[in-house]
Amino acid sequence: MAAEARLLAVLVFFHHRVPLFLLRLIFPALRRTGRARVEMHVYAGGGHVFGLRQTKYPATEWPPLVETWLTTIGMISQ
């Protein structure tokens, strides 16, 4: 399959301190490609390397979300 025909799976996580204009640029740009399966989560808090260790913040739960999403879109098997 040609590289141009391949679908992209892009999961974007942003901390609330990332400038809003980046969110408004990246997400629609990926969707416009017509090849990207895009999901975006914006968390209000979490700190540096959020989600890689257990914390009180909801961002801690992102690794299982990635696995579920990749399974749902057929990128990995159950």
N, C-alpha and C. Protein backbone atom coordinates (compact mmCIF):
# COMPACT_ATOMS: atom_id res chain seq x y z
N MET A 1 0.85 -1.17 0.00
CA MET A 1 0.00 0.00 0.00
C MET A 1 0.90 1.24 0.00
N ALA A 2 0.59 2.20 -0.82
CA ALA A 2 1.36 3.44 -0.89
C ALA A 2 1.23 4.21 0.42
N ALA A 3 2.28 4.91 0.77
CA ALA A 3 2.27 5.68 2.03
C ALA A 3 1.12 6.67 2.06
N GLU A 4 0.78 7.25 0.90
CA GLU A 4 -0.29 8.23 0.85
C GLU A 4 -1.65 7.63 1.19
N ALA A 5 -1.80 6.32 0.99
CA ALA A 5 -3.09 5.68 1.21
C ALA A 5 -3.26 5.18 2.64
N ARG A 6 -2.19 5.17 3.41
CA ARG A 6 -2.27 4.66 4.78
C ARG A 6 -3.03 5.62 5.69
N LEU A 7 -3.78 5.04 6.59
CA LEU A 7 -4.48 5.84 7.60
C LEU A 7 -3.53 6.12 8.75
N LEU A 8 -3.70 7.25 9.36
CA LEU A 8 -2.91 7.64 10.52
C LEU A 8 -3.80 7.57 11.75
N ALA A 9 -3.25 7.10 12.83
CA ALA A 9 -3.95 7.13 14.11
C ALA A 9 -3.22 8.13 14.99
N VAL A 10 -3.91 9.19 15.37
CA VAL A 10 -3.28 10.25 16.15
C VAL A 10 -4.11 10.51 17.39
N LEU A 11 -3.51 10.34 18.53
CA LEU A 11 -4.17 10.64 19.80
C LEU A 11 -3.40 11.80 20.41
N VAL A 12 -4.06 12.91 20.63
CA VAL A 12 -3.41 14.12 21.10
C VAL A 12 -3.84 14.42 22.52
N PHE A 13 -2.89 14.57 23.40
CA PHE A 13 -3.16 14.97 24.78
C PHE A 13 -2.49 16.30 25.03
N PHE A 14 -3.20 17.22 25.63
CA PHE A 14 -2.63 18.52 25.95
C PHE A 14 -2.87 18.85 27.40
N HIS A 15 -1.90 19.46 28.00
CA HIS A 15 -2.04 20.03 29.33
C HIS A 15 -2.71 21.39 29.16
N HIS A 16 -3.41 21.85 30.16
CA HIS A 16 -4.14 23.12 30.05
C HIS A 16 -3.24 24.32 29.77
N ARG A 17 -1.95 24.19 29.97
CA ARG A 17 -1.05 25.32 29.74
C ARG A 17 -0.59 25.44 28.28
N VAL A 18 -0.93 24.46 27.47
CA VAL A 18 -0.60 24.55 26.05
C VAL A 18 -1.48 25.63 25.44
N PRO A 19 -0.90 26.54 24.67
CA PRO A 19 -1.71 27.62 24.09
C PRO A 19 -2.89 27.09 23.28
N LEU A 20 -4.03 27.71 23.48
CA LEU A 20 -5.25 27.29 22.80
C LEU A 20 -5.13 27.31 21.29
N PHE A 21 -4.34 28.22 20.74
CA PHE A 21 -4.24 28.28 19.29
C PHE A 21 -3.65 27.00 18.71
N LEU A 22 -2.80 26.30 19.48
CA LEU A 22 -2.27 25.02 19.00
C LEU A 22 -3.38 23.99 18.86
N LEU A 23 -4.29 23.96 19.83
CA LEU A 23 -5.42 23.04 19.74
C LEU A 23 -6.27 23.35 18.52
N ARG A 24 -6.45 24.62 18.27
CA ARG A 24 -7.30 25.06 17.16
C ARG A 24 -6.63 24.84 15.81
N LEU A 25 -5.33 24.62 15.78
CA LEU A 25 -4.62 24.37 14.53
C LEU A 25 -4.41 22.88 14.26
N ILE A 26 -3.92 22.19 15.25
CA ILE A 26 -3.50 20.80 15.06
C ILE A 26 -4.68 19.86 14.79
N PHE A 27 -5.68 19.90 15.63
CA PHE A 27 -6.80 18.95 15.51
C PHE A 27 -7.51 19.07 14.16
N PRO A 28 -7.96 20.26 13.76
CA PRO A 28 -8.63 20.37 12.45
C PRO A 28 -7.70 20.02 11.28
N ALA A 29 -6.43 20.37 11.39
CA ALA A 29 -5.48 20.08 10.31
C ALA A 29 -5.35 18.58 10.11
N LEU A 30 -5.27 17.83 11.18
CA LEU A 30 -5.19 16.38 11.07
C LEU A 30 -6.47 15.79 10.49
N ARG A 31 -7.59 16.29 10.92
CA ARG A 31 -8.87 15.80 10.41
C ARG A 31 -9.03 16.10 8.92
N ARG A 32 -8.55 17.25 8.50
CA ARG A 32 -8.68 17.64 7.09
C ARG A 32 -7.89 16.74 6.16
N THR A 33 -6.89 16.05 6.66
CA THR A 33 -6.10 15.18 5.79
C THR A 33 -6.97 14.08 5.19
N GLY A 34 -8.06 13.74 5.90
CA GLY A 34 -8.91 12.65 5.44
C GLY A 34 -8.30 11.29 5.68
N ARG A 35 -7.10 11.24 6.20
CA ARG A 35 -6.41 9.97 6.46
C ARG A 35 -6.20 9.73 7.95
N ALA A 36 -6.46 10.73 8.75
CA ALA A 36 -6.14 10.62 10.17
C ALA A 36 -7.38 10.31 11.00
N ARG A 37 -7.24 9.34 11.86
CA ARG A 37 -8.24 9.07 12.88
C ARG A 37 -7.74 9.79 14.12
N VAL A 38 -8.44 10.82 14.50
CA VAL A 38 -7.94 11.72 15.53
C VAL A 38 -8.87 11.75 16.72
N GLU A 39 -8.28 11.69 17.89
CA GLU A 39 -9.01 11.87 19.13
C GLU A 39 -8.18 12.81 19.98
N MET A 40 -8.83 13.76 20.63
CA MET A 40 -8.10 14.72 21.44
C MET A 40 -8.71 14.80 22.83
N HIS A 41 -7.83 14.82 23.82
CA HIS A 41 -8.25 14.96 25.21
C HIS A 41 -7.52 16.17 25.79
N VAL A 42 -8.23 17.03 26.46
CA VAL A 42 -7.63 18.19 27.10
C VAL A 42 -7.93 18.07 28.59
N TYR A 43 -6.88 18.04 29.38
CA TYR A 43 -7.03 17.89 30.82
C TYR A 43 -6.69 19.20 31.53
N ALA A 44 -7.44 19.49 32.57
CA ALA A 44 -7.26 20.73 33.31
C ALA A 44 -6.03 20.72 34.21
N GLY A 45 -5.52 19.57 34.52
CA GLY A 45 -4.36 19.51 35.40
C GLY A 45 -3.68 18.18 35.30
N GLY A 46 -2.51 18.11 35.89
CA GLY A 46 -1.80 16.85 35.88
C GLY A 46 -0.31 17.01 36.06
N GLY A 47 0.23 18.14 35.66
CA GLY A 47 1.66 18.38 35.83
C GLY A 47 2.50 17.68 34.77
N HIS A 48 3.81 17.71 34.97
CA HIS A 48 4.76 17.14 34.03
C HIS A 48 4.59 15.62 33.96
N VAL A 49 4.72 15.05 32.81
CA VAL A 49 4.50 13.62 32.52
C VAL A 49 3.20 13.08 33.13
N PHE A 50 2.15 13.86 32.98
CA PHE A 50 0.88 13.45 33.55
C PHE A 50 0.42 12.12 32.97
N GLY A 51 -0.16 11.33 33.84
CA GLY A 51 -0.70 10.06 33.42
C GLY A 51 0.28 8.91 33.48
N LEU A 52 1.56 9.17 33.69
CA LEU A 52 2.53 8.09 33.75
C LEU A 52 2.72 7.57 35.17
N ARG A 53 2.09 8.20 36.09
CA ARG A 53 2.07 7.71 37.48
C ARG A 53 0.69 8.01 38.04
N GLN A 54 0.30 7.28 39.03
CA GLN A 54 -1.03 7.47 39.63
C GLN A 54 -1.05 8.79 40.41
N THR A 55 -2.05 9.60 40.10
CA THR A 55 -2.24 10.86 40.81
C THR A 55 -3.73 11.04 41.06
N LYS A 56 -4.09 12.17 41.63
CA LYS A 56 -5.50 12.47 41.86
C LYS A 56 -6.18 13.03 40.61
N TYR A 57 -5.41 13.29 39.55
CA TYR A 57 -5.95 13.94 38.36
C TYR A 57 -6.54 12.93 37.37
N PRO A 58 -7.58 13.32 36.65
CA PRO A 58 -8.18 12.44 35.64
C PRO A 58 -7.20 12.04 34.53
N ALA A 59 -6.19 12.85 34.29
CA ALA A 59 -5.21 12.53 33.24
C ALA A 59 -4.47 11.23 33.51
N THR A 60 -4.49 10.78 34.74
CA THR A 60 -3.85 9.51 35.10
C THR A 60 -4.42 8.35 34.29
N GLU A 61 -5.63 8.50 33.84
CA GLU A 61 -6.32 7.40 33.15
C GLU A 61 -6.07 7.34 31.65
N TRP A 62 -5.14 8.11 31.09
CA TRP A 62 -5.00 8.12 29.65
C TRP A 62 -4.43 6.83 29.06
N PRO A 63 -3.51 6.10 29.68
CA PRO A 63 -3.02 4.89 29.02
C PRO A 63 -4.11 3.87 28.66
N PRO A 64 -5.06 3.56 29.54
CA PRO A 64 -6.12 2.64 29.14
C PRO A 64 -7.02 3.23 28.03
N LEU A 65 -7.18 4.55 28.01
CA LEU A 65 -7.96 5.18 26.94
C LEU A 65 -7.30 4.96 25.58
N VAL A 66 -5.98 5.05 25.54
CA VAL A 66 -5.26 4.83 24.29
C VAL A 66 -5.49 3.40 23.81
N GLU A 67 -5.34 2.45 24.70
CA GLU A 67 -5.54 1.05 24.32
C GLU A 67 -6.95 0.79 23.81
N THR A 68 -7.95 1.32 24.50
CA THR A 68 -9.34 1.15 24.07
C THR A 68 -9.56 1.78 22.70
N TRP A 69 -9.06 2.99 22.51
CA TRP A 69 -9.23 3.69 21.24
C TRP A 69 -8.56 2.93 20.09
N LEU A 70 -7.31 2.50 20.29
CA LEU A 70 -6.60 1.78 19.24
C LEU A 70 -7.29 0.46 18.90
N THR A 71 -7.87 -0.19 19.89
CA THR A 71 -8.64 -1.41 19.64
C THR A 71 -9.90 -1.09 18.85
N THR A 72 -10.60 -0.02 19.24
CA THR A 72 -11.84 0.38 18.58
C THR A 72 -11.64 0.69 17.11
N ILE A 73 -10.53 1.33 16.75
CA ILE A 73 -10.30 1.68 15.35
C ILE A 73 -9.54 0.61 14.58
N GLY A 74 -9.30 -0.53 15.24
CA GLY A 74 -8.68 -1.66 14.56
C GLY A 74 -7.18 -1.60 14.40
N MET A 75 -6.50 -0.76 15.17
CA MET A 75 -5.05 -0.66 15.06
C MET A 75 -4.34 -1.76 15.87
N ILE A 76 -4.99 -2.23 16.94
CA ILE A 76 -4.47 -3.35 17.71
C ILE A 76 -5.61 -4.32 17.97
N SER A 77 -5.26 -5.58 18.23
CA SER A 77 -6.31 -6.56 18.51
C SER A 77 -6.53 -6.67 20.01
N GLN A 78 -7.68 -7.20 20.38
CA GLN A 78 -8.02 -7.31 21.81
C GLN A 78 -7.21 -8.32 22.51
